[in-house]
Amino acid sequence: MIPTWKLNAEQVLGLACWGVLMGVWLKRKLPLLDRLNIPVSIAGGMVFALAALLLRDRYVNLEADLVLRDMLMVAFMTTIGLSARLQLLREGGVQVVRLLVIGSIGAILQNLLGMGLAKALSVDPRLGILAGSVALTGGPATAIAWGGTFEQRGLVGASAVAMASATFGIAVAGLIGGYIGGRLIRRHGLKAGGAAVTARSPVAAAQGQSPEADETGRGPASARLLPTVIVMGIAMGIGNLLSLAMKRGGLILPSYIGAMIVAAIIRNLDDRFGFTRITQPTVDSLGRIALYLFIVMALLTLRLWELAHLALPLVVILAAQVALCWLMCITMSFRVMGRDYESAVMAAGFCGFMLGITANAIACMEELVEKYGPAPQAFLVVPVVGAFLIDFTNSLIITVMANLLR
């Protein structure tokens, strides 16, 4: 009998920290990882995911406590909400609309491709939707929600198919997103609009801000750490109530949406009245910590063995979905968003959230920014679309297309 090792929250946190250090070490020892623009957290986390796969049903089965992983996901998305300032949103308004339209078209194409291949392979076309925008554009949260819905409609094994597809998407997005963006940059000889940056937080690096000083220049951003953490906690708590209310209202959306909305409201009220004086570098630092640890934890708990049991039709559909997303990145996303350096970074982010999750998108873009230079608009546009707006349009798309197959 194969023993099971149940990792508690503290052990998961410890492994996540080791995973980040391992990623740094691997990228230093294996230059290929750096050339492929694979983020540190992806490199380290994949080691754990592969180790869990090799140990599974041979030596020991690992079961990890998911509490910290889920909380860090919400915490990271809360920092995205705290970065959603109206002034910046107005500046990137047209680009936000463009990327949202491209992403929505991509979700429709994912479903049409999945349904078409499913029909050609003589399986239920609804599997094509599950292996389409439900699992890929939507991610694990949408996969869980819609998997149960499809099972209630008579599709046996829908939840397993959706989660396996989401797992596949997260793994692939983290590995190819940075490569796609980097290849576009090198192929077209693109240059950043500002000076190159190194080892900063995603948005601060993108905007060329100094990590040592706050926005007013009066002192270190670390002095604002406690107030920002308190604001994040309040936003997460109230946001959870909002998410539960939306769920009771019939909206199928990721659990972090409520926290993002509340955080964005608090940030813009704070900009207007200055009751907390949130500083962007502090938000960025907290976001970076949450992002790195969350990605390693997500990969640590990735159930890669479920991919080994995928039926041939699902493998074919998912492989085609990767090809479709890659094609959209280098054509629609890159060209429509401007054919410049910013649009190349956005293409990496587009791959991240259209195949995986927003954390994939940010990690891939951060890798490019640290290597090639700042991309302020990319870090404004992609999180707003990938972590927030696309979930609303995708839910509508899934609902309409699923009802057509009833």
Protein backbone atom coordinates (compact mmCIF):
# COMPACT_ATOMS: atom_id res chain seq x y z
CA MET A 1 0.00 0.00 0.00
CA ILE A 2 1.36 3.40 -1.03
CA PRO A 3 1.62 5.80 1.95
CA THR A 4 0.19 9.34 1.76
CA TRP A 5 2.13 12.34 3.03
CA LYS A 6 -0.24 15.14 3.97
CA LEU A 7 1.55 18.49 3.77
CA ASN A 8 0.13 21.07 6.17
CA ALA A 9 0.03 24.80 5.46
CA GLU A 10 3.39 25.50 7.12
CA GLN A 11 5.11 22.76 5.11
CA VAL A 12 3.55 24.03 1.89
CA LEU A 13 4.82 27.54 2.66
CA GLY A 14 8.31 26.21 3.39
CA LEU A 15 8.38 24.26 0.12
CA ALA A 16 7.14 27.30 -1.79
CA CYS A 17 10.02 29.39 -0.44
CA TRP A 18 12.46 26.63 -1.37
CA GLY A 19 10.85 26.52 -4.81
CA VAL A 20 11.60 30.19 -5.45
CA LEU A 21 15.24 29.70 -4.42
CA MET A 22 15.43 26.58 -6.57
CA GLY A 23 14.11 28.53 -9.55
CA VAL A 24 16.80 31.18 -9.10
CA TRP A 25 19.48 28.47 -8.88
CA LEU A 26 18.16 26.58 -11.93
CA LYS A 27 18.10 29.70 -14.09
CA ARG A 28 21.69 30.45 -13.06
CA LYS A 29 22.84 26.89 -13.84
CA LEU A 30 20.74 26.31 -16.98
CA PRO A 31 21.03 29.29 -19.36
CA LEU A 32 18.41 27.69 -21.63
CA LEU A 33 15.72 28.53 -19.07
CA ASP A 34 16.74 32.17 -19.23
CA ARG A 35 16.78 32.18 -23.04
CA LEU A 36 13.26 30.75 -23.04
CA ASN A 37 12.19 33.48 -20.56
CA ILE A 38 10.76 30.96 -18.10
CA PRO A 39 9.97 32.75 -14.79
CA VAL A 40 11.83 31.78 -11.63
CA SER A 41 8.66 30.62 -9.87
CA ILE A 42 7.64 28.46 -12.86
CA ALA A 43 11.09 26.85 -13.05
CA GLY A 44 11.16 26.02 -9.34
CA GLY A 45 7.51 25.01 -9.11
CA MET A 46 7.72 22.60 -12.05
CA VAL A 47 10.43 20.67 -10.20
CA PHE A 48 7.94 20.00 -7.39
CA ALA A 49 5.17 19.15 -9.86
CA LEU A 50 7.37 16.62 -11.66
CA ALA A 51 8.64 15.18 -8.37
CA ALA A 52 5.05 14.66 -7.15
CA LEU A 53 4.24 12.97 -10.46
CA LEU A 54 7.22 10.60 -10.23
CA LEU A 55 6.48 9.70 -6.60
CA ARG A 56 2.75 9.20 -7.22
CA ASP A 57 1.59 5.58 -6.79
CA ARG A 58 5.24 4.42 -6.58
CA TYR A 59 6.73 5.60 -3.30
CA VAL A 60 4.47 8.18 -1.67
CA ASN A 61 1.40 10.22 -2.60
CA LEU A 62 1.44 13.88 -1.64
CA GLU A 63 -1.64 15.74 -0.46
CA ALA A 64 -1.15 19.43 0.20
CA ASP A 65 -3.24 21.83 2.26
CA LEU A 66 -4.64 24.36 -0.24
CA VAL A 67 -5.58 27.13 2.21
CA LEU A 68 -2.44 29.25 1.74
CA ARG A 69 -2.42 28.72 -2.02
CA ASP A 70 -5.96 29.99 -2.37
CA MET A 71 -5.39 32.91 0.02
CA LEU A 72 -2.25 33.97 -1.85
CA MET A 73 -4.16 33.89 -5.13
CA VAL A 74 -6.77 36.25 -3.68
CA ALA A 75 -4.03 38.39 -2.10
CA PHE A 76 -2.25 38.75 -5.44
CA MET A 77 -5.45 39.66 -7.25
CA THR A 78 -6.18 42.16 -4.48
CA THR A 79 -2.90 43.93 -5.28
CA ILE A 80 -4.07 44.08 -8.92
CA GLY A 81 -7.24 45.79 -7.70
CA LEU A 82 -5.17 48.21 -5.61
CA SER A 83 -3.27 49.10 -8.79
CA ALA A 84 -6.45 49.85 -10.77
CA ARG A 85 -6.39 53.63 -10.48
CA LEU A 86 -8.89 55.56 -12.56
CA GLN A 87 -6.21 57.88 -13.89
CA LEU A 88 -4.21 54.96 -15.25
CA LEU A 89 -7.30 53.18 -16.56
CA ARG A 90 -8.28 56.28 -18.51
CA GLU A 91 -4.82 56.39 -20.05
CA GLY A 92 -5.06 52.77 -21.20
CA GLY A 93 -8.77 52.74 -21.99
CA VAL A 94 -8.55 52.05 -25.74
CA GLN A 95 -5.96 49.31 -25.24
CA VAL A 96 -8.08 47.69 -22.53
CA VAL A 97 -11.05 47.56 -24.89
CA ARG A 98 -8.91 46.17 -27.72
CA LEU A 99 -7.41 43.39 -25.61
CA LEU A 100 -10.81 42.53 -24.15
CA VAL A 101 -12.27 42.20 -27.65
CA ILE A 102 -9.33 40.02 -28.75
CA GLY A 103 -9.65 37.87 -25.63
CA SER A 104 -13.40 37.47 -26.11
CA ILE A 105 -12.92 36.48 -29.74
CA GLY A 106 -10.25 34.05 -28.55
CA ALA A 107 -12.67 32.47 -26.07
CA ILE A 108 -15.24 31.98 -28.84
CA LEU A 109 -12.60 30.47 -31.13
CA GLN A 110 -11.44 28.14 -28.35
CA ASN A 111 -14.97 26.81 -27.97
CA LEU A 112 -15.61 26.53 -31.70
CA LEU A 113 -12.31 24.68 -32.20
CA GLY A 114 -13.00 22.38 -29.26
CA MET A 115 -16.55 21.64 -30.34
CA GLY A 116 -15.50 21.04 -33.94
CA LEU A 117 -12.71 18.64 -33.02
CA ALA A 118 -14.92 16.86 -30.48
CA LYS A 119 -17.57 16.29 -33.15
CA ALA A 120 -14.94 15.13 -35.66
CA LEU A 121 -13.58 12.68 -33.07
CA SER A 122 -17.09 11.40 -32.27
CA VAL A 123 -17.27 12.62 -28.68
CA ASP A 124 -19.74 14.93 -26.94
CA PRO A 125 -19.23 18.49 -28.29
CA ARG A 126 -19.65 19.84 -24.76
CA LEU A 127 -16.22 18.37 -23.98
CA GLY A 128 -14.89 20.86 -26.50
CA ILE A 129 -16.27 23.75 -24.44
CA LEU A 130 -14.81 22.29 -21.24
CA ALA A 131 -11.42 21.96 -22.95
CA GLY A 132 -11.95 25.40 -24.45
CA SER A 133 -12.71 28.66 -22.72
CA VAL A 134 -14.07 26.98 -19.56
CA ALA A 135 -10.69 25.54 -18.55
CA LEU A 136 -8.27 27.74 -20.50
CA THR A 137 -9.60 31.30 -20.55
CA GLY A 138 -11.52 30.61 -17.33
CA GLY A 139 -8.91 28.71 -15.33
CA PRO A 140 -9.42 26.28 -12.41
CA ALA A 141 -12.14 28.29 -10.63
CA THR A 142 -14.30 28.43 -13.75
CA ALA A 143 -13.50 24.78 -14.48
CA ILE A 144 -14.77 23.72 -11.05
CA ALA A 145 -17.93 25.80 -11.34
CA TRP A 146 -18.86 24.81 -14.88
CA GLY A 147 -17.71 21.20 -14.50
CA GLY A 148 -20.42 20.66 -11.91
CA THR A 149 -22.97 22.45 -14.09
CA PHE A 150 -22.22 20.21 -17.08
CA GLU A 151 -22.42 17.10 -14.89
CA GLN A 152 -25.88 18.19 -13.75
CA ARG A 153 -26.78 18.36 -17.44
CA GLY A 154 -25.75 14.75 -17.92
CA LEU A 155 -22.11 14.96 -19.03
CA VAL A 156 -20.35 12.29 -16.97
CA GLY A 157 -16.82 13.18 -15.83
CA ALA A 158 -17.15 16.84 -16.81
CA SER A 159 -15.39 18.12 -13.68
CA ALA A 160 -12.40 15.81 -14.17
CA VAL A 161 -12.07 16.84 -17.82
CA ALA A 162 -12.30 20.53 -16.98
CA MET A 163 -9.74 20.38 -14.16
CA ALA A 164 -7.33 18.24 -16.18
CA SER A 165 -7.58 20.73 -19.04
CA ALA A 166 -7.02 23.67 -16.67
CA THR A 167 -3.98 21.89 -15.22
CA PHE A 168 -2.61 21.42 -18.73
CA GLY A 169 -3.21 25.08 -19.55
CA ILE A 170 -1.42 26.40 -16.45
CA ALA A 171 1.63 24.21 -17.08
CA VAL A 172 1.92 25.12 -20.77
CA ALA A 173 1.19 28.85 -20.35
CA GLY A 174 4.00 29.26 -17.84
CA LEU A 175 6.46 27.53 -20.15
CA ILE A 176 5.68 29.22 -23.47
CA GLY A 177 4.29 32.69 -22.62
CA GLY A 178 7.65 34.32 -21.99
CA TYR A 179 9.19 32.56 -24.98
CA ILE A 180 6.50 33.91 -27.32
CA GLY A 181 6.97 37.48 -26.08
CA GLY A 182 10.77 37.25 -26.15
CA ARG A 183 10.77 35.84 -29.68
CA LEU A 184 8.60 38.71 -30.89
CA ILE A 185 10.95 41.22 -29.28
CA ARG A 186 14.06 39.70 -30.83
CA ARG A 187 12.52 38.99 -34.22
CA HIS A 188 11.27 42.54 -34.72
CA GLY A 189 14.19 44.24 -32.96
CA LEU A 190 11.86 45.95 -30.48
CA LYS A 191 13.11 48.27 -27.76
CA ALA A 192 11.54 49.43 -24.51
CA GLY A 193 10.49 53.05 -24.26
CA GLY A 194 12.53 53.56 -21.06
CA ALA A 195 15.71 52.40 -19.47
CA ALA A 196 16.28 48.74 -18.77
CA VAL A 197 15.41 47.56 -15.29
CA THR A 198 16.46 44.67 -13.11
CA ALA A 199 14.90 42.68 -10.30
CA ARG A 200 12.01 44.92 -9.41
CA SER A 201 8.39 44.27 -8.73
CA PRO A 202 6.19 43.87 -11.84
CA VAL A 203 4.41 47.20 -11.96
CA ALA A 204 7.21 49.24 -10.41
CA ALA A 205 9.64 47.81 -12.94
CA ALA A 206 7.22 48.44 -15.73
CA GLN A 207 6.68 52.05 -14.74
CA GLY A 208 10.34 52.77 -14.07
CA GLN A 209 9.76 53.57 -10.41
CA SER A 210 12.42 53.35 -7.76
CA PRO A 211 11.77 50.54 -5.25
CA GLU A 212 13.46 52.51 -2.46
CA ALA A 213 11.21 55.58 -2.45
CA ASP A 214 7.49 55.98 -2.17
CA GLU A 215 5.42 57.97 -4.67
CA THR A 216 5.89 61.23 -2.77
CA GLY A 217 9.64 60.74 -2.42
CA ARG A 218 9.40 61.25 1.37
CA GLY A 219 10.82 57.94 2.43
CA PRO A 220 11.02 54.19 1.94
CA ALA A 221 7.93 52.36 0.72
CA SER A 222 8.46 49.87 3.57
CA ALA A 223 7.10 52.54 5.95
CA ARG A 224 3.69 52.05 4.31
CA LEU A 225 3.78 48.25 4.57
CA LEU A 226 1.47 47.78 7.58
CA PRO A 227 -1.32 50.13 6.35
CA THR A 228 -1.24 48.46 2.94
CA VAL A 229 -1.43 44.97 4.45
CA ILE A 230 -4.39 46.10 6.58
CA VAL A 231 -6.15 47.52 3.52
CA MET A 232 -5.52 44.26 1.65
CA GLY A 233 -6.99 42.24 4.51
CA ILE A 234 -10.10 44.42 4.67
CA ALA A 235 -10.54 44.23 0.88
CA MET A 236 -10.17 40.44 0.94
CA GLY A 237 -12.71 40.08 3.76
CA ILE A 238 -15.37 42.36 2.30
CA GLY A 239 -14.59 41.03 -1.18
CA ASN A 240 -15.31 37.49 -0.04
CA LEU A 241 -18.79 38.57 1.06
CA LEU A 242 -19.29 40.27 -2.31
CA SER A 243 -18.17 37.15 -4.19
CA LEU A 244 -20.58 35.01 -2.17
CA ALA A 245 -23.40 37.44 -2.96
CA MET A 246 -22.59 37.30 -6.69
CA LYS A 247 -22.53 33.50 -6.53
CA ARG A 248 -25.95 33.42 -4.88
CA GLY A 249 -27.13 35.72 -7.67
CA GLY A 250 -26.17 33.10 -10.26
CA LEU A 251 -22.90 34.66 -11.50
CA ILE A 252 -20.18 32.05 -12.05
CA LEU A 253 -16.95 33.99 -11.51
CA PRO A 254 -13.57 33.29 -9.84
CA SER A 255 -13.50 33.78 -6.08
CA TYR A 256 -11.08 36.70 -6.23
CA ILE A 257 -13.36 39.02 -8.24
CA GLY A 258 -15.00 40.47 -5.12
CA ALA A 259 -11.66 41.31 -3.51
CA MET A 260 -10.45 42.97 -6.72
CA ILE A 261 -13.56 45.16 -6.94
CA VAL A 262 -13.37 46.23 -3.29
CA ALA A 263 -9.61 46.87 -3.54
CA ALA A 264 -10.08 49.04 -6.64
CA ILE A 265 -12.79 51.07 -4.87
CA ILE A 266 -10.62 51.56 -1.76
CA ARG A 267 -7.60 52.59 -3.84
CA ASN A 268 -9.48 55.23 -5.80
CA LEU A 269 -11.16 56.57 -2.66
CA ASP A 270 -7.73 56.74 -1.03
CA ASP A 271 -6.35 58.63 -4.05
CA ARG A 272 -9.19 61.12 -3.66
CA PHE A 273 -9.26 61.57 0.13
CA GLY A 274 -5.84 60.30 1.26
CA PHE A 275 -7.05 58.44 4.36
CA THR A 276 -4.45 55.67 4.01
CA ARG A 277 -2.02 57.05 1.41
CA ILE A 278 -1.34 53.74 -0.28
CA THR A 279 1.93 53.78 -2.22
CA GLN A 280 2.30 51.83 -5.44
CA PRO A 281 5.80 50.44 -4.74
CA THR A 282 4.49 48.86 -1.51
CA VAL A 283 1.54 47.32 -3.36
CA ASP A 284 3.93 46.03 -6.03
CA SER A 285 6.28 44.46 -3.46
CA LEU A 286 3.42 42.65 -1.73
CA GLY A 287 2.05 41.55 -5.09
CA ARG A 288 5.42 40.15 -6.11
CA ILE A 289 5.72 38.11 -2.92
CA ALA A 290 2.20 36.73 -3.24
CA LEU A 291 2.71 35.99 -6.95
CA TYR A 292 5.95 34.04 -6.55
CA LEU A 293 4.73 31.96 -3.61
CA PHE A 294 1.32 31.35 -5.17
CA ILE A 295 2.77 30.08 -8.46
CA VAL A 296 5.10 27.63 -6.71
CA MET A 297 2.22 26.41 -4.51
CA ALA A 298 -0.05 26.11 -7.56
CA LEU A 299 2.53 23.96 -9.34
CA LEU A 300 3.25 21.98 -6.18
CA THR A 301 -0.44 21.06 -6.04
CA LEU A 302 -0.75 20.55 -9.82
CA ARG A 303 -2.20 17.11 -10.47
CA LEU A 304 -0.04 16.21 -13.47
CA TRP A 305 -0.98 12.55 -13.18
CA GLU A 306 -4.47 13.46 -14.34
CA LEU A 307 -2.96 14.42 -17.70
CA ALA A 308 -1.57 10.91 -18.09
CA HIS A 309 -5.13 9.56 -18.18
CA LEU A 310 -6.46 11.98 -20.77
CA ALA A 311 -8.18 10.25 -23.64
CA LEU A 312 -6.77 10.77 -27.13
CA PRO A 313 -9.60 13.13 -28.22
CA LEU A 314 -8.88 15.48 -25.31
CA VAL A 315 -5.14 15.42 -26.00
CA VAL A 316 -5.82 16.36 -29.63
CA ILE A 317 -8.17 19.19 -28.60
CA LEU A 318 -5.73 20.65 -26.07
CA ALA A 319 -2.79 20.46 -28.47
CA ALA A 320 -4.88 22.33 -31.05
CA GLN A 321 -5.82 24.92 -28.41
CA VAL A 322 -2.14 25.63 -27.72
CA ALA A 323 -1.52 26.10 -31.46
CA LEU A 324 -4.53 28.43 -31.71
CA CYS A 325 -3.40 30.55 -28.75
CA TRP A 326 0.16 30.77 -30.08
CA LEU A 327 -1.18 31.90 -33.46
CA MET A 328 -3.42 34.52 -31.84
CA CYS A 329 -0.48 35.86 -29.80
CA ILE A 330 1.76 36.48 -32.80
CA THR A 331 -1.02 37.73 -35.08
CA MET A 332 -4.13 39.28 -33.50
CA SER A 333 -2.70 40.23 -30.12
CA PHE A 334 0.66 41.55 -31.31
CA ARG A 335 -0.63 43.32 -34.41
CA VAL A 336 -3.83 44.82 -33.05
CA MET A 337 -2.17 46.06 -29.86
CA GLY A 338 0.44 48.05 -31.81
CA ARG A 339 3.27 45.87 -33.21
CA ASP A 340 5.69 47.48 -30.74
CA TYR A 341 7.59 46.44 -27.62
CA GLU A 342 4.57 46.94 -25.36
CA SER A 343 2.42 44.73 -27.60
CA ALA A 344 5.07 41.98 -27.54
CA VAL A 345 4.99 41.98 -23.74
CA MET A 346 1.18 41.98 -23.89
CA ALA A 347 1.33 38.96 -26.21
CA ALA A 348 3.17 37.04 -23.49
CA GLY A 349 0.50 38.10 -20.99
CA PHE A 350 -2.25 37.20 -23.45
CA CYS A 351 -0.88 33.67 -23.68
CA GLY A 352 -0.68 33.53 -19.89
CA PHE A 353 -4.33 34.27 -19.18
CA MET A 354 -5.81 32.65 -22.32
CA LEU A 355 -4.19 29.29 -21.55
CA GLY A 356 -3.58 29.51 -17.82
CA ILE A 357 -4.29 32.13 -15.18
CA THR A 358 -3.46 35.80 -14.66
CA ALA A 359 -0.54 34.85 -12.41
CA ASN A 360 1.01 33.10 -15.43
CA ALA A 361 0.54 36.28 -17.46
CA ILE A 362 2.15 38.56 -14.87
CA ALA A 363 5.06 36.17 -14.26
CA CYS A 364 5.83 35.90 -17.99
CA MET A 365 5.60 39.66 -18.51
CA GLU A 366 7.76 40.34 -15.45
CA GLU A 367 10.43 38.05 -16.88
CA LEU A 368 10.49 40.07 -20.12
CA VAL A 369 10.48 43.42 -18.31
CA GLU A 370 13.44 42.49 -16.14
CA LYS A 371 15.41 41.46 -19.21
CA TYR A 372 14.40 43.98 -21.88
CA GLY A 373 13.03 47.04 -20.09
CA PRO A 374 9.83 48.67 -18.77
CA ALA A 375 6.40 48.12 -20.30
CA PRO A 376 4.01 50.27 -18.23
CA GLN A 377 0.97 49.91 -20.46
CA ALA A 378 1.26 46.13 -20.62
CA PHE A 379 1.17 45.91 -16.82
CA LEU A 380 -1.85 48.17 -16.80
CA VAL A 381 -3.88 46.54 -19.56
CA VAL A 382 -3.25 42.80 -19.14
CA PRO A 383 -4.18 42.48 -15.42
CA VAL A 384 -7.39 44.48 -15.87
CA VAL A 385 -8.48 42.32 -18.80
CA GLY A 386 -7.05 38.95 -17.76
CA ALA A 387 -7.99 39.05 -14.09
CA PHE A 388 -11.30 40.83 -14.30
CA LEU A 389 -13.06 41.81 -17.52
CA ILE A 390 -12.49 38.59 -19.48
CA ASP A 391 -14.21 36.56 -16.76
CA PHE A 392 -17.45 38.44 -17.35
CA THR A 393 -17.42 38.09 -21.14
CA ASN A 394 -16.22 34.48 -20.92
CA SER A 395 -19.09 33.56 -18.58
CA LEU A 396 -21.56 35.00 -21.07
CA ILE A 397 -19.87 33.18 -23.98
CA ILE A 398 -19.90 29.84 -22.13
CA THR A 399 -23.55 30.28 -21.14
CA VAL A 400 -24.68 31.04 -24.69
CA MET A 401 -22.66 28.27 -26.35
CA ALA A 402 -23.52 25.68 -23.70
CA ASN A 403 -27.23 26.43 -24.08
CA LEU A 404 -26.96 25.94 -27.84
CA LEU A 405 -25.88 22.34 -27.18
CA ARG A 406 -28.64 21.49 -24.68
